[in-house]
Amino acid sequence: MKTGTWNVRSLFLSEALKVLHNELSNLDFNIAALQEIWLESAIQKFDSFAVFNSGLESKKHKFGCGFYVSGEFLKYVKGFKNINERISCLRLKAKWFSCTLMNVHTSTNEKTEQIK
């Protein structure tokens, strides 16, 4: 299983999901944690991959994190939990155990202490 992380800085633009899939497929990633998705919370399934994302409907086109999962690994997904627009969890089943991947998108140092 090959995993990674990517600050995509918006999947809101047209064809962005297709570009995401092409890039991650070329790199042979099975699962990738994504930040700044900028989409509303949803699970979007396609023929050869799925995107699990957490974003708030009241804050459209802001924040959001989630996971890209390639088609052959979709059968191992037990669940997806949306904590808030900056934290999400993906639960995977394996042969002898289950594991949870957490995706946390934190503020940068340029943000105020109150926002952090």
N, C-alpha and C. Protein backbone atom coordinates (compact mmCIF):
# COMPACT_ATOMS: atom_id res chain seq x y z
N MET A 1 0.86 -1.18 0.00
CA MET A 1 0.00 0.00 0.00
C MET A 1 0.90 1.24 0.00
N LYS A 2 0.68 2.11 -0.94
CA LYS A 2 1.46 3.34 -1.04
C LYS A 2 0.57 4.51 -0.65
N THR A 3 1.00 5.26 0.38
CA THR A 3 0.20 6.38 0.87
C THR A 3 1.00 7.67 0.77
N GLY A 4 0.30 8.78 0.84
CA GLY A 4 0.95 10.08 0.81
C GLY A 4 0.00 11.17 1.25
N THR A 5 0.44 12.39 1.14
CA THR A 5 -0.38 13.54 1.49
C THR A 5 -0.18 14.64 0.46
N TRP A 6 -1.21 15.47 0.26
CA TRP A 6 -1.13 16.50 -0.75
C TRP A 6 -2.06 17.66 -0.38
N ASN A 7 -1.53 18.86 -0.34
CA ASN A 7 -2.34 20.07 -0.18
C ASN A 7 -2.77 20.48 -1.58
N VAL A 8 -3.98 20.10 -1.96
CA VAL A 8 -4.42 20.26 -3.35
C VAL A 8 -4.86 21.68 -3.68
N ARG A 9 -5.15 22.49 -2.67
CA ARG A 9 -5.56 23.88 -2.84
C ARG A 9 -6.74 24.03 -3.78
N SER A 10 -7.72 23.20 -3.64
CA SER A 10 -9.03 23.26 -4.28
C SER A 10 -9.27 22.16 -5.29
N LEU A 11 -10.32 21.42 -5.03
CA LEU A 11 -10.86 20.48 -6.02
C LEU A 11 -12.16 21.02 -6.57
N PHE A 12 -12.43 22.29 -6.30
CA PHE A 12 -13.68 22.91 -6.74
C PHE A 12 -13.68 23.18 -8.25
N LEU A 13 -12.53 23.42 -8.82
CA LEU A 13 -12.45 23.75 -10.24
C LEU A 13 -12.83 22.55 -11.10
N SER A 14 -13.39 22.81 -12.27
CA SER A 14 -13.79 21.72 -13.15
C SER A 14 -12.56 20.91 -13.57
N GLU A 15 -12.72 19.63 -13.70
CA GLU A 15 -11.67 18.70 -14.09
C GLU A 15 -10.61 18.48 -13.00
N ALA A 16 -10.74 19.11 -11.85
CA ALA A 16 -9.73 18.98 -10.80
C ALA A 16 -9.64 17.55 -10.27
N LEU A 17 -10.78 16.87 -10.13
CA LEU A 17 -10.76 15.49 -9.64
C LEU A 17 -10.08 14.57 -10.64
N LYS A 18 -10.29 14.84 -11.91
CA LYS A 18 -9.64 14.04 -12.96
C LYS A 18 -8.12 14.22 -12.92
N VAL A 19 -7.68 15.46 -12.75
CA VAL A 19 -6.24 15.74 -12.64
C VAL A 19 -5.67 15.07 -11.40
N LEU A 20 -6.38 15.17 -10.28
CA LEU A 20 -5.95 14.53 -9.04
C LEU A 20 -5.75 13.03 -9.26
N HIS A 21 -6.74 12.39 -9.83
CA HIS A 21 -6.67 10.94 -10.07
C HIS A 21 -5.51 10.60 -11.00
N ASN A 22 -5.35 11.35 -12.07
CA ASN A 22 -4.26 11.07 -13.01
C ASN A 22 -2.89 11.20 -12.35
N GLU A 23 -2.70 12.25 -11.57
CA GLU A 23 -1.41 12.46 -10.90
C GLU A 23 -1.12 11.37 -9.87
N LEU A 24 -2.11 11.04 -9.05
CA LEU A 24 -1.90 10.02 -8.02
C LEU A 24 -1.76 8.62 -8.63
N SER A 25 -2.44 8.37 -9.73
CA SER A 25 -2.30 7.09 -10.44
C SER A 25 -0.90 6.96 -11.03
N ASN A 26 -0.41 8.03 -11.62
CA ASN A 26 0.94 8.01 -12.20
C ASN A 26 2.01 7.73 -11.15
N LEU A 27 1.77 8.16 -9.92
CA LEU A 27 2.70 7.93 -8.82
C LEU A 27 2.41 6.62 -8.07
N ASP A 28 1.41 5.88 -8.51
CA ASP A 28 0.99 4.60 -7.91
C ASP A 28 0.55 4.72 -6.46
N PHE A 29 -0.09 5.83 -6.10
CA PHE A 29 -0.62 5.99 -4.76
C PHE A 29 -1.95 5.25 -4.65
N ASN A 30 -2.13 4.54 -3.53
CA ASN A 30 -3.39 3.86 -3.26
C ASN A 30 -4.29 4.73 -2.39
N ILE A 31 -3.69 5.42 -1.43
CA ILE A 31 -4.43 6.30 -0.53
C ILE A 31 -3.62 7.57 -0.34
N ALA A 32 -4.29 8.71 -0.41
CA ALA A 32 -3.63 9.99 -0.17
C ALA A 32 -4.51 10.85 0.72
N ALA A 33 -3.89 11.45 1.74
CA ALA A 33 -4.58 12.42 2.59
C ALA A 33 -4.54 13.76 1.86
N LEU A 34 -5.70 14.41 1.73
CA LEU A 34 -5.81 15.66 0.98
C LEU A 34 -6.19 16.80 1.90
N GLN A 35 -5.58 17.97 1.68
CA GLN A 35 -5.93 19.16 2.44
C GLN A 35 -6.37 20.25 1.49
N GLU A 36 -7.17 21.18 2.02
CA GLU A 36 -7.73 22.32 1.28
C GLU A 36 -8.50 21.85 0.04
N ILE A 37 -9.42 20.94 0.28
CA ILE A 37 -10.23 20.39 -0.81
C ILE A 37 -11.24 21.43 -1.31
N TRP A 38 -11.77 22.22 -0.43
CA TRP A 38 -12.71 23.30 -0.75
C TRP A 38 -14.04 22.79 -1.31
N LEU A 39 -14.45 21.62 -0.94
CA LEU A 39 -15.75 21.09 -1.34
C LEU A 39 -16.59 20.84 -0.10
N GLU A 40 -17.90 20.73 -0.27
CA GLU A 40 -18.78 20.38 0.84
C GLU A 40 -18.53 18.92 1.22
N SER A 41 -18.88 18.57 2.45
CA SER A 41 -18.71 17.19 2.92
C SER A 41 -19.45 16.23 2.02
N ALA A 42 -18.75 15.20 1.60
CA ALA A 42 -19.37 14.20 0.73
C ALA A 42 -18.42 13.03 0.53
N ILE A 43 -18.98 11.94 0.05
CA ILE A 43 -18.19 10.81 -0.43
C ILE A 43 -18.52 10.70 -1.91
N GLN A 44 -17.54 10.95 -2.74
CA GLN A 44 -17.74 10.93 -4.18
C GLN A 44 -17.05 9.70 -4.75
N LYS A 45 -17.84 8.76 -5.29
CA LYS A 45 -17.28 7.54 -5.86
C LYS A 45 -17.34 7.61 -7.38
N PHE A 46 -16.24 7.19 -7.98
CA PHE A 46 -16.12 7.15 -9.43
C PHE A 46 -15.74 5.73 -9.83
N ASP A 47 -15.54 5.49 -11.11
CA ASP A 47 -15.23 4.14 -11.58
C ASP A 47 -13.97 3.56 -10.96
N SER A 48 -12.91 4.35 -10.88
CA SER A 48 -11.63 3.80 -10.46
C SER A 48 -11.06 4.43 -9.18
N PHE A 49 -11.84 5.27 -8.49
CA PHE A 49 -11.38 5.88 -7.25
C PHE A 49 -12.54 6.53 -6.52
N ALA A 50 -12.27 6.97 -5.28
CA ALA A 50 -13.27 7.71 -4.50
C ALA A 50 -12.55 8.80 -3.72
N VAL A 51 -13.28 9.88 -3.44
CA VAL A 51 -12.78 10.96 -2.62
C VAL A 51 -13.73 11.12 -1.44
N PHE A 52 -13.19 10.97 -0.23
CA PHE A 52 -13.94 11.14 1.00
C PHE A 52 -13.51 12.49 1.54
N ASN A 53 -14.42 13.44 1.70
CA ASN A 53 -13.98 14.76 2.16
C ASN A 53 -14.88 15.35 3.22
N SER A 54 -14.26 16.20 4.03
CA SER A 54 -14.98 16.92 5.08
C SER A 54 -14.81 18.41 4.82
N GLY A 55 -15.90 19.07 4.70
CA GLY A 55 -15.93 20.52 4.52
C GLY A 55 -17.25 20.99 5.08
N LEU A 56 -17.36 22.22 5.42
CA LEU A 56 -18.60 22.73 5.98
C LEU A 56 -19.41 23.45 4.92
N GLU A 57 -20.69 23.15 4.87
CA GLU A 57 -21.56 23.77 3.88
C GLU A 57 -21.65 25.27 4.07
N SER A 58 -21.50 25.74 5.31
CA SER A 58 -21.58 27.17 5.56
C SER A 58 -20.30 27.89 5.14
N LYS A 59 -19.23 27.16 4.91
CA LYS A 59 -17.95 27.76 4.51
C LYS A 59 -17.53 27.18 3.17
N LYS A 60 -18.35 27.36 2.17
CA LYS A 60 -18.03 26.82 0.85
C LYS A 60 -16.72 27.39 0.33
N HIS A 61 -15.97 26.54 -0.32
CA HIS A 61 -14.70 26.90 -0.95
C HIS A 61 -13.67 27.36 0.05
N LYS A 62 -13.69 26.76 1.23
CA LYS A 62 -12.71 27.05 2.26
C LYS A 62 -12.39 25.76 3.00
N PHE A 63 -11.15 25.56 3.30
CA PHE A 63 -10.67 24.43 4.09
C PHE A 63 -11.09 23.09 3.48
N GLY A 64 -11.39 22.16 4.31
CA GLY A 64 -11.77 20.82 3.89
C GLY A 64 -10.56 19.90 3.79
N CYS A 65 -10.70 18.71 4.34
CA CYS A 65 -9.66 17.70 4.21
C CYS A 65 -10.34 16.36 4.00
N GLY A 66 -9.59 15.41 3.53
CA GLY A 66 -10.19 14.10 3.27
C GLY A 66 -9.17 13.15 2.69
N PHE A 67 -9.67 12.15 1.97
CA PHE A 67 -8.82 11.10 1.46
C PHE A 67 -9.18 10.74 0.03
N TYR A 68 -8.17 10.44 -0.75
CA TYR A 68 -8.31 9.83 -2.07
C TYR A 68 -8.03 8.35 -1.87
N VAL A 69 -8.89 7.48 -2.39
CA VAL A 69 -8.69 6.04 -2.29
C VAL A 69 -8.84 5.45 -3.69
N SER A 70 -7.82 4.72 -4.14
CA SER A 70 -7.89 4.10 -5.47
C SER A 70 -8.87 2.93 -5.44
N GLY A 71 -9.33 2.55 -6.60
CA GLY A 71 -10.39 1.55 -6.74
C GLY A 71 -10.13 0.23 -6.05
N GLU A 72 -8.90 -0.31 -6.18
CA GLU A 72 -8.63 -1.61 -5.60
C GLU A 72 -8.60 -1.59 -4.07
N PHE A 73 -8.50 -0.41 -3.47
CA PHE A 73 -8.48 -0.30 -2.01
C PHE A 73 -9.83 0.10 -1.42
N LEU A 74 -10.81 0.39 -2.25
CA LEU A 74 -12.14 0.78 -1.75
C LEU A 74 -12.78 -0.34 -0.93
N LYS A 75 -12.49 -1.58 -1.27
CA LYS A 75 -13.10 -2.70 -0.54
C LYS A 75 -12.60 -2.80 0.91
N TYR A 76 -11.50 -2.13 1.23
CA TYR A 76 -10.94 -2.16 2.58
C TYR A 76 -11.44 -1.01 3.46
N VAL A 77 -12.18 -0.09 2.89
CA VAL A 77 -12.67 1.05 3.67
C VAL A 77 -13.86 0.61 4.52
N LYS A 78 -13.70 0.73 5.86
CA LYS A 78 -14.78 0.40 6.79
C LYS A 78 -15.63 1.60 7.10
N GLY A 79 -15.04 2.79 7.04
CA GLY A 79 -15.81 3.98 7.37
C GLY A 79 -14.99 5.25 7.22
N PHE A 80 -15.73 6.33 7.15
CA PHE A 80 -15.14 7.66 7.07
C PHE A 80 -15.84 8.53 8.09
N LYS A 81 -15.05 9.26 8.88
CA LYS A 81 -15.64 10.12 9.90
C LYS A 81 -15.16 11.55 9.66
N ASN A 82 -16.13 12.42 9.55
CA ASN A 82 -15.88 13.84 9.36
C ASN A 82 -15.96 14.50 10.74
N ILE A 83 -14.83 14.90 11.30
CA ILE A 83 -14.82 15.56 12.61
C ILE A 83 -15.19 17.04 12.43
N ASN A 84 -14.46 17.72 11.59
CA ASN A 84 -14.77 19.10 11.20
C ASN A 84 -14.05 19.39 9.88
N GLU A 85 -14.02 20.65 9.45
CA GLU A 85 -13.42 20.95 8.15
C GLU A 85 -11.91 20.79 8.13
N ARG A 86 -11.29 20.55 9.28
CA ARG A 86 -9.84 20.39 9.35
C ARG A 86 -9.40 19.01 9.83
N ILE A 87 -10.32 18.16 10.24
CA ILE A 87 -9.96 16.83 10.76
C ILE A 87 -10.92 15.78 10.18
N SER A 88 -10.35 14.72 9.64
CA SER A 88 -11.16 13.60 9.17
C SER A 88 -10.40 12.29 9.42
N CYS A 89 -11.14 11.19 9.48
CA CYS A 89 -10.57 9.87 9.75
C CYS A 89 -11.09 8.87 8.74
N LEU A 90 -10.23 7.98 8.30
CA LEU A 90 -10.60 6.91 7.38
C LEU A 90 -10.25 5.59 8.07
N ARG A 91 -11.23 4.72 8.23
CA ARG A 91 -11.03 3.43 8.91
C ARG A 91 -10.87 2.36 7.84
N LEU A 92 -9.79 1.58 7.94
CA LEU A 92 -9.50 0.52 6.97
C LEU A 92 -9.45 -0.83 7.66
N LYS A 93 -9.92 -1.85 6.99
CA LYS A 93 -9.83 -3.20 7.53
C LYS A 93 -8.68 -3.93 6.84
N ALA A 94 -7.97 -4.72 7.62
CA ALA A 94 -6.87 -5.54 7.10
C ALA A 94 -7.15 -6.99 7.48
N LYS A 95 -6.23 -7.86 7.21
CA LYS A 95 -6.45 -9.28 7.45
C LYS A 95 -6.66 -9.59 8.93
N TRP A 96 -5.80 -9.04 9.81
CA TRP A 96 -5.89 -9.37 11.23
C TRP A 96 -6.26 -8.19 12.12
N PHE A 97 -6.38 -7.02 11.57
CA PHE A 97 -6.66 -5.84 12.39
C PHE A 97 -7.29 -4.75 11.52
N SER A 98 -7.73 -3.71 12.15
CA SER A 98 -8.21 -2.52 11.45
C SER A 98 -7.31 -1.36 11.85
N CYS A 99 -7.23 -0.37 10.99
CA CYS A 99 -6.43 0.81 11.32
C CYS A 99 -7.20 2.07 10.94
N THR A 100 -6.84 3.15 11.59
CA THR A 100 -7.47 4.43 11.32
C THR A 100 -6.41 5.42 10.86
N LEU A 101 -6.65 6.03 9.71
CA LEU A 101 -5.79 7.08 9.21
C LEU A 101 -6.45 8.41 9.56
N MET A 102 -5.67 9.31 10.15
CA MET A 102 -6.20 10.62 10.50
C MET A 102 -5.57 11.67 9.60
N ASN A 103 -6.37 12.60 9.16
CA ASN A 103 -5.90 13.71 8.35
C ASN A 103 -6.23 14.99 9.10
N VAL A 104 -5.19 15.72 9.49
CA VAL A 104 -5.37 16.95 10.25
C VAL A 104 -4.67 18.08 9.50
N HIS A 105 -5.43 19.10 9.17
CA HIS A 105 -4.89 20.27 8.47
C HIS A 105 -4.84 21.42 9.45
N THR A 106 -3.63 21.83 9.84
CA THR A 106 -3.48 22.88 10.84
C THR A 106 -3.23 24.23 10.20
N SER A 107 -3.34 25.25 10.99
CA SER A 107 -3.08 26.61 10.52
C SER A 107 -1.58 26.83 10.36
N THR A 108 -1.22 27.75 9.51
CA THR A 108 0.18 28.09 9.31
C THR A 108 0.62 29.09 10.37
N ASN A 109 1.91 29.31 10.47
CA ASN A 109 2.46 30.23 11.46
C ASN A 109 2.02 31.66 11.24
N GLU A 110 1.63 32.01 10.04
CA GLU A 110 1.23 33.39 9.78
C GLU A 110 -0.15 33.73 10.35
N LYS A 111 -0.90 32.74 10.78
CA LYS A 111 -2.22 32.95 11.37
C LYS A 111 -2.07 33.44 12.82
N THR A 112 -3.10 34.10 13.32
CA THR A 112 -3.07 34.59 14.68
C THR A 112 -3.20 33.42 15.66
N GLU A 113 -2.80 33.65 16.90
CA GLU A 113 -2.88 32.61 17.93
C GLU A 113 -4.33 32.21 18.18
N GLN A 114 -5.26 33.12 18.05
CA GLN A 114 -6.67 32.82 18.27
C GLN A 114 -7.18 31.81 17.23
N ILE A 115 -6.76 31.96 15.98
CA ILE A 115 -7.19 31.05 14.93
C ILE A 115 -6.53 29.68 15.11
N LYS A 116 -5.25 29.67 15.52
CA LYS A 116 -4.54 28.40 15.72
C LYS A 116 -5.18 27.61 16.81
